[in-house]
Amino acid sequence: MASKKLTISAIKKDNSKFNEKMTVQIKDGKYEIIVNKYFKKTDASKLLGDYITITEQLIESGASIDITSNDIFLFHILLIKYMTNVPLPEDGLELVAYIQELINAEVLNEIILALPKEEVEKVEAWINDSFKNMPQVLELMKQQQNFGLEQEVIPVGNI
């Protein structure tokens, strides 16, 4: 296969797949959502940041809300936020309340099952890799703050 010159135009053309969407009917056609066929790595990165931020918010607030009821995890909710057109609140506590509404309406599992499995698995693997490297990253950040030195950065994860 012949190589082509690396240009921003070529990259944008390759990335055009991230604009592909599919329409999914849930709750026996009562609702319609739009799902990304492919997940952007930048959205996966935002998902990770939100995951950490929301977890901290919930811990700091002393929330006793079980966000894992019915085998649903915060990770999946954030996938819905970034990979569908389902409007979800930004605030962690509001998000948990919204999650409960989706669970009670019996649509949450249907939305999660509508996500492309292969893409979910890619993001899930990247998140897991990120958490494996997190102690090293945090230690380097701590050292840099303490000593004001620039050091090699360990990648958080590979998508």
Protein backbone atom coordinates (compact mmCIF):
# COMPACT_ATOMS: atom_id res chain seq x y z
CA MET A 1 0.00 0.00 0.00
CA ALA A 2 1.33 3.40 -0.94
CA SER A 3 1.87 5.88 1.82
CA LYS A 4 0.38 9.32 1.67
CA LYS A 5 1.76 12.57 2.94
CA LEU A 6 0.80 13.40 6.52
CA THR A 7 -1.25 16.58 6.35
CA ILE A 8 -4.01 18.05 8.48
CA SER A 9 -6.39 17.49 5.55
CA ALA A 10 -5.49 13.79 5.42
CA ILE A 11 -5.93 13.49 9.19
CA LYS A 12 -9.30 15.26 9.07
CA LYS A 13 -10.41 12.91 6.31
CA ASP A 14 -9.37 9.88 8.39
CA ASN A 15 -11.12 11.35 11.44
CA SER A 16 -14.37 11.89 9.56
CA LYS A 17 -15.52 8.48 10.78
CA PHE A 18 -16.04 10.08 14.19
CA ASN A 19 -18.95 12.01 12.71
CA GLU A 20 -20.83 8.79 11.91
CA LYS A 21 -23.93 8.33 14.03
CA MET A 22 -26.77 5.87 14.29
CA THR A 23 -30.31 6.40 15.49
CA VAL A 24 -31.57 3.90 18.07
CA GLN A 25 -35.11 3.43 19.31
CA ILE A 26 -35.51 2.49 22.97
CA LYS A 27 -38.44 1.59 25.20
CA ASP A 28 -40.27 -0.06 22.29
CA GLY A 29 -39.91 2.99 20.07
CA LYS A 30 -41.11 5.48 22.67
CA TYR A 31 -37.76 7.30 22.68
CA GLU A 32 -35.06 7.86 20.11
CA ILE A 33 -31.39 8.53 20.78
CA ILE A 34 -28.43 9.17 18.54
CA VAL A 35 -25.28 7.15 19.25
CA ASN A 36 -21.77 7.73 17.92
CA LYS A 37 -20.56 4.74 15.91
CA TYR A 38 -16.97 5.53 16.88
CA PHE A 39 -15.67 7.12 20.08
CA LYS A 40 -13.18 9.97 19.94
CA LYS A 41 -10.05 9.60 22.01
CA THR A 42 -10.48 13.19 23.14
CA ASP A 43 -13.95 12.33 24.47
CA ALA A 44 -12.50 9.30 26.26
CA SER A 45 -9.98 11.62 27.90
CA LYS A 46 -12.77 13.99 28.99
CA LEU A 47 -14.70 10.98 30.31
CA LEU A 48 -11.74 10.02 32.50
CA GLY A 49 -11.44 13.55 33.85
CA ASP A 50 -15.16 13.67 34.63
CA TYR A 51 -14.98 10.25 36.27
CA ILE A 52 -12.31 11.45 38.67
CA THR A 53 -13.99 14.82 39.32
CA ILE A 54 -17.45 13.37 39.93
CA THR A 55 -16.09 10.64 42.19
CA GLU A 56 -14.34 13.33 44.24
CA GLN A 57 -17.54 15.43 44.35
CA LEU A 58 -19.56 12.49 45.61
CA ILE A 59 -16.99 11.61 48.26
CA GLU A 60 -16.67 15.23 49.44
CA SER A 61 -20.44 15.67 49.61
CA GLY A 62 -20.83 12.52 51.67
CA ALA A 63 -23.44 11.32 49.17
CA SER A 64 -24.83 7.96 50.15
CA ILE A 65 -26.31 7.34 46.74
CA ASP A 66 -25.51 3.98 45.21
CA ILE A 67 -24.57 4.80 41.64
CA THR A 68 -23.85 1.14 40.91
CA SER A 69 -27.41 -0.10 41.39
CA ASN A 70 -28.56 -2.54 38.71
CA ASP A 71 -24.94 -3.16 37.69
CA ILE A 72 -24.67 0.35 36.24
CA PHE A 73 -21.44 2.18 36.89
CA LEU A 74 -20.46 5.83 36.61
CA PHE A 75 -18.27 4.83 33.68
CA HIS A 76 -21.32 3.79 31.68
CA ILE A 77 -23.18 6.98 32.52
CA LEU A 78 -20.25 9.03 31.29
CA LEU A 79 -20.15 6.93 28.12
CA ILE A 80 -23.76 7.93 27.57
CA LYS A 81 -22.82 11.57 28.18
CA TYR A 82 -20.02 11.60 25.64
CA MET A 83 -21.18 9.02 23.11
CA THR A 84 -24.87 9.86 22.69
CA ASN A 85 -27.14 12.85 22.39
CA VAL A 86 -28.80 12.10 25.76
CA PRO A 87 -28.56 15.36 27.73
CA LEU A 88 -26.93 14.79 31.11
CA PRO A 89 -26.16 17.40 33.77
CA GLU A 90 -22.57 18.49 34.41
CA ASP A 91 -22.81 18.48 38.22
CA GLY A 92 -22.00 15.12 39.82
CA LEU A 93 -24.86 15.19 42.33
CA GLU A 94 -27.38 16.22 39.68
CA LEU A 95 -26.01 13.47 37.45
CA VAL A 96 -26.65 10.86 40.12
CA ALA A 97 -30.24 12.09 40.51
CA TYR A 98 -30.70 11.94 36.74
CA ILE A 99 -29.25 8.42 36.67
CA GLN A 100 -31.86 7.34 39.18
CA GLU A 101 -34.59 8.73 36.90
CA LEU A 102 -33.19 6.77 33.94
CA ILE A 103 -33.06 3.62 36.05
CA ASN A 104 -36.64 4.11 37.26
CA ALA A 105 -37.82 4.72 33.68
CA GLU A 106 -36.14 1.42 32.75
CA VAL A 107 -34.20 2.97 29.89
CA LEU A 108 -30.65 3.06 31.23
CA ASN A 109 -29.75 -0.51 30.34
CA GLU A 110 -31.26 -0.11 26.87
CA ILE A 111 -29.12 2.97 26.24
CA ILE A 112 -25.98 1.20 27.40
CA LEU A 113 -26.73 -1.82 25.21
CA ALA A 114 -27.17 0.53 22.22
CA LEU A 115 -23.53 1.64 22.47
CA PRO A 116 -21.15 -0.12 20.03
CA LYS A 117 -19.61 -2.91 22.11
CA GLU A 118 -16.19 -2.79 20.46
CA GLU A 119 -15.89 0.95 21.05
CA VAL A 120 -16.98 0.59 24.69
CA GLU A 121 -14.35 -2.10 25.20
CA LYS A 122 -11.62 0.16 23.74
CA VAL A 123 -12.50 3.01 26.08
CA GLU A 124 -12.82 0.62 29.02
CA ALA A 125 -9.35 -0.82 28.34
CA TRP A 126 -7.87 2.67 28.07
CA ILE A 127 -9.48 3.71 31.37
CA ASN A 128 -8.12 0.59 33.07
CA ASP A 129 -4.62 1.29 31.70
CA SER A 130 -4.92 4.88 32.88
CA PHE A 131 -5.73 3.84 36.42
CA LYS A 132 -2.82 1.37 36.43
CA ASN A 133 -0.40 4.21 35.59
CA MET A 134 -2.08 6.78 37.84
CA PRO A 135 0.17 6.26 40.92
CA GLN A 136 3.28 6.92 38.80
CA VAL A 137 1.74 10.02 37.24
CA LEU A 138 0.66 11.39 40.62
CA GLU A 139 4.12 10.74 42.11
CA LEU A 140 5.80 12.58 39.25
CA MET A 141 3.38 15.49 39.64
CA LYS A 142 4.14 15.60 43.36
CA GLN A 143 7.88 15.59 42.71
CA GLN A 144 7.55 18.38 40.15
CA GLN A 145 5.55 20.50 42.59
CA ASN A 146 8.02 19.87 45.40
CA PHE A 147 11.15 20.46 43.38
CA GLY A 148 9.96 22.64 40.52
CA LEU A 149 11.70 20.28 38.11
CA GLU A 150 10.49 19.20 34.75
CA GLN A 151 10.62 15.44 34.45
CA GLU A 152 9.62 12.88 31.90
CA VAL A 153 5.87 12.40 31.79
CA ILE A 154 4.53 8.86 31.94
CA PRO A 155 1.56 8.45 29.60
CA VAL A 156 -1.69 7.93 31.48
CA GLY A 157 -3.01 5.41 28.99
CA ASN A 158 -2.96 4.38 25.38
CA ILE A 159 -6.02 4.34 23.19
